[in-house]
C-alpha atoms as a PDB file:
ATOM      1  CA  UNK A   1     -14.215   5.089 -13.566  1.00  0.00           C
ATOM      2  CA  UNK A   2     -10.841   5.584 -15.168  1.00  0.00           C
ATOM      3  CA  UNK A   3      -8.408   5.578 -12.282  1.00  0.00           C
ATOM      4  CA  UNK A   4      -7.801   3.822  -9.001  1.00  0.00           C
ATOM      5  CA  UNK A   5      -9.731   5.070  -5.982  1.00  0.00           C
ATOM      6  CA  UNK A   6      -8.282   4.206  -2.559  1.00  0.00           C
ATOM      7  CA  UNK A   7     -11.119   2.761  -0.471  1.00  0.00           C
ATOM      8  CA  UNK A   8      -9.261   1.093   2.420  1.00  0.00           C
ATOM      9  CA  UNK A   9      -5.972   2.058   4.045  1.00  0.00           C
ATOM     10  CA  UNK A  10      -5.220   0.551   7.430  1.00  0.00           C
ATOM     11  CA  UNK A  11      -2.064   0.062   9.441  1.00  0.00           C
ATOM     12  CA  UNK A  12      -1.882  -1.999  12.622  1.00  0.00           C
ATOM     13  CA  UNK A  13       1.182  -1.830  14.833  1.00  0.00           C
ATOM     14  CA  UNK A  14       1.528  -4.694  17.278  1.00  0.00           C
ATOM     15  CA  UNK A  15       3.125  -4.192  20.695  1.00  0.00           C
ATOM     16  CA  UNK A  16       6.121  -6.308  19.650  1.00  0.00           C
ATOM     17  CA  UNK A  17       6.834  -4.033  16.668  1.00  0.00           C
ATOM     18  CA  UNK A  18       5.250  -6.176  13.947  1.00  0.00           C
ATOM     19  CA  UNK A  19       3.170  -4.238  11.405  1.00  0.00           C
ATOM     20  CA  UNK A  20       0.194  -5.150   9.232  1.00  0.00           C
ATOM     21  CA  UNK A  21      -0.662  -2.817   6.347  1.00  0.00           C
ATOM     22  CA  UNK A  22      -3.728  -3.195   4.142  1.00  0.00           C
ATOM     23  CA  UNK A  23      -4.606  -1.097   1.085  1.00  0.00           C
ATOM     24  CA  UNK A  24      -7.463  -1.634  -1.353  1.00  0.00           C
ATOM     25  CA  UNK A  25      -8.284   0.416  -4.440  1.00  0.00           C
ATOM     26  CA  UNK A  26     -11.353   0.275  -6.660  1.00  0.00           C
ATOM     27  CA  UNK A  27     -10.163   0.011 -10.256  1.00  0.00           C
ATOM     28  CA  UNK A  28     -11.781  -0.583 -13.622  1.00  0.00           C
ATOM     29  CA  UNK A  29     -12.357  -4.294 -14.232  1.00  0.00           C
ATOM     30  CA  UNK A  30      -9.646  -5.746 -16.440  1.00  0.00           C
ATOM     31  CA  UNK A  31      -8.563  -9.196 -17.516  1.00  0.00           C
ATOM     32  CA  UNK A  32      -6.284  -9.611 -14.487  1.00  0.00           C
ATOM     33  CA  UNK A  33      -8.596  -7.757 -12.071  1.00  0.00           C
ATOM     34  CA  UNK A  34     -12.013  -9.150 -12.955  1.00  0.00           C
ATOM     35  CA  UNK A  35     -13.321  -8.205  -9.493  1.00  0.00           C
ATOM     36  CA  UNK A  36     -12.432  -4.511  -9.889  1.00  0.00           C
ATOM     37  CA  UNK A  37     -10.013  -4.275  -6.955  1.00  0.00           C
ATOM     38  CA  UNK A  38      -6.289  -3.735  -6.634  1.00  0.00           C
ATOM     39  CA  UNK A  39      -4.911  -4.640  -3.218  1.00  0.00           C
ATOM     40  CA  UNK A  40      -1.729  -4.897  -1.252  1.00  0.00           C
ATOM     41  CA  UNK A  41      -1.634  -6.521   2.198  1.00  0.00           C
ATOM     42  CA  UNK A  42       1.648  -7.016   4.051  1.00  0.00           C
ATOM     43  CA  UNK A  43       2.624  -8.347   7.457  1.00  0.00           C
ATOM     44  CA  UNK A  44       6.077  -7.108   8.397  1.00  0.00           C
ATOM     45  CA  UNK A  45       8.351  -8.462  11.122  1.00  0.00           C
ATOM     46  CA  UNK A  46      11.825  -7.034  11.788  1.00  0.00           C
ATOM     47  CA  UNK A  47      11.534  -4.935   8.615  1.00  0.00           C
ATOM     48  CA  UNK A  48      10.826  -7.922   6.339  1.00  0.00           C
ATOM     49  CA  UNK A  49       7.585  -9.011   4.732  1.00  0.00           C
ATOM     50  CA  UNK A  50       6.524 -12.346   6.217  1.00  0.00           C
ATOM     51  CA  UNK A  51       3.073 -12.512   4.594  1.00  0.00           C
ATOM     52  CA  UNK A  52       1.760 -10.657   1.582  1.00  0.00           C
ATOM     53  CA  UNK A  53      -1.390 -10.710  -0.502  1.00  0.00           C
ATOM     54  CA  UNK A  54      -1.544  -8.669  -3.688  1.00  0.00           C
ATOM     55  CA  UNK A  55      -2.476  -8.604  -7.336  1.00  0.00           C
ATOM     56  CA  UNK A  56       0.391  -6.747  -8.941  1.00  0.00           C
ATOM     57  CA  UNK A  57       0.025  -5.899 -12.624  1.00  0.00           C
ATOM     58  CA  UNK A  58       0.066  -8.980 -14.798  1.00  0.00           C
ATOM     59  CA  UNK A  59       0.498 -11.419 -11.888  1.00  0.00           C
ATOM     60  CA  UNK A  60      -3.121 -11.854 -10.813  1.00  0.00           C
ATOM     61  CA  UNK A  61      -4.234 -12.600  -7.259  1.00  0.00           C
ATOM     62  CA  UNK A  62      -1.468 -14.249  -5.260  1.00  0.00           C
ATOM     63  CA  UNK A  63      -0.063 -14.714  -1.790  1.00  0.00           C
ATOM     64  CA  UNK A  64       3.498 -14.516  -0.467  1.00  0.00           C
ATOM     65  CA  UNK A  65       4.345 -16.598   2.562  1.00  0.00           C
ATOM     66  CA  UNK A  66       7.553 -17.216   4.436  1.00  0.00           C
ATOM     67  CA  UNK A  67      10.863 -17.098   2.622  1.00  0.00           C
ATOM     68  CA  UNK A  68       9.699 -15.854  -0.750  1.00  0.00           C
ATOM     69  CA  UNK A  69       7.169 -18.590  -1.490  1.00  0.00           C
ATOM     70  CA  UNK A  70       4.400 -17.402  -3.803  1.00  0.00           C
ATOM     71  CA  UNK A  71       1.134 -19.120  -4.618  1.00  0.00           C
ATOM     72  CA  UNK A  72      -2.077 -18.324  -6.464  1.00  0.00           C
ATOM     73  CA  UNK A  73      -4.763 -16.839  -4.230  1.00  0.00           C
ATOM     74  CA  UNK A  74      -8.444 -17.333  -5.012  1.00  0.00           C
ATOM     75  CA  UNK A  75     -10.036 -13.925  -4.407  1.00  0.00           C
ATOM     76  CA  UNK A  76     -13.567 -14.314  -2.991  1.00  0.00           C
ATOM     77  CA  UNK A  77     -14.211 -10.760  -1.828  1.00  0.00           C
ATOM     78  CA  UNK A  78     -12.702  -8.102   0.420  1.00  0.00           C
ATOM     79  CA  UNK A  79     -14.080  -9.564   3.671  1.00  0.00           C
ATOM     80  CA  UNK A  80     -12.627 -13.000   2.870  1.00  0.00           C
ATOM     81  CA  UNK A  81      -9.303 -11.374   1.935  1.00  0.00           C
ATOM     82  CA  UNK A  82      -9.123  -9.725   5.375  1.00  0.00           C
ATOM     83  CA  UNK A  83     -10.093 -13.034   7.075  1.00  0.00           C
ATOM     84  CA  UNK A  84      -7.442 -15.015   5.199  1.00  0.00           C
ATOM     85  CA  UNK A  85      -4.769 -12.395   5.877  1.00  0.00           C
ATOM     86  CA  UNK A  86      -5.521 -12.198   9.606  1.00  0.00           C
ATOM     87  CA  UNK A  87      -5.689 -16.002   9.874  1.00  0.00           C
ATOM     88  CA  UNK A  88      -2.183 -16.166   8.389  1.00  0.00           C
ATOM     89  CA  UNK A  89      -0.987 -13.497  10.838  1.00  0.00           C
ATOM     90  CA  UNK A  90      -2.447 -15.450  13.773  1.00  0.00           C
ATOM     91  CA  UNK A  91      -0.718 -18.610  12.554  1.00  0.00           C
ATOM     92  CA  UNK A  92       2.662 -16.850  12.254  1.00  0.00           C
ATOM     93  CA  UNK A  93       2.298 -15.154  15.641  1.00  0.00           C
ATOM     94  CA  UNK A  94       1.289 -18.428  17.321  1.00  0.00           C
ATOM     95  CA  UNK A  95       4.368 -20.147  15.869  1.00  0.00           C
ATOM     96  CA  UNK A  96       6.758 -17.648  17.447  1.00  0.00           C
END
């Protein structure tokens, strides 16, 4: 497999206008993508990303939360990624 293959593309629009977008590609395993996935998850409120999970080139698995905070994310599979992302969304939505 030499190029990325899109395997998941979902977009959820909440009644209040918030948006959650999830994309996952199968990619060749590399040093910064040992699991063989490239992903980009974003929760958007008022046109701004509030939560993000991704593994951009050279940055490894990480999570964006709040006002630009970034932390390492321990990738444990696609299902767990979805669970963690939706748990963060629930937390943000409960706070508002």
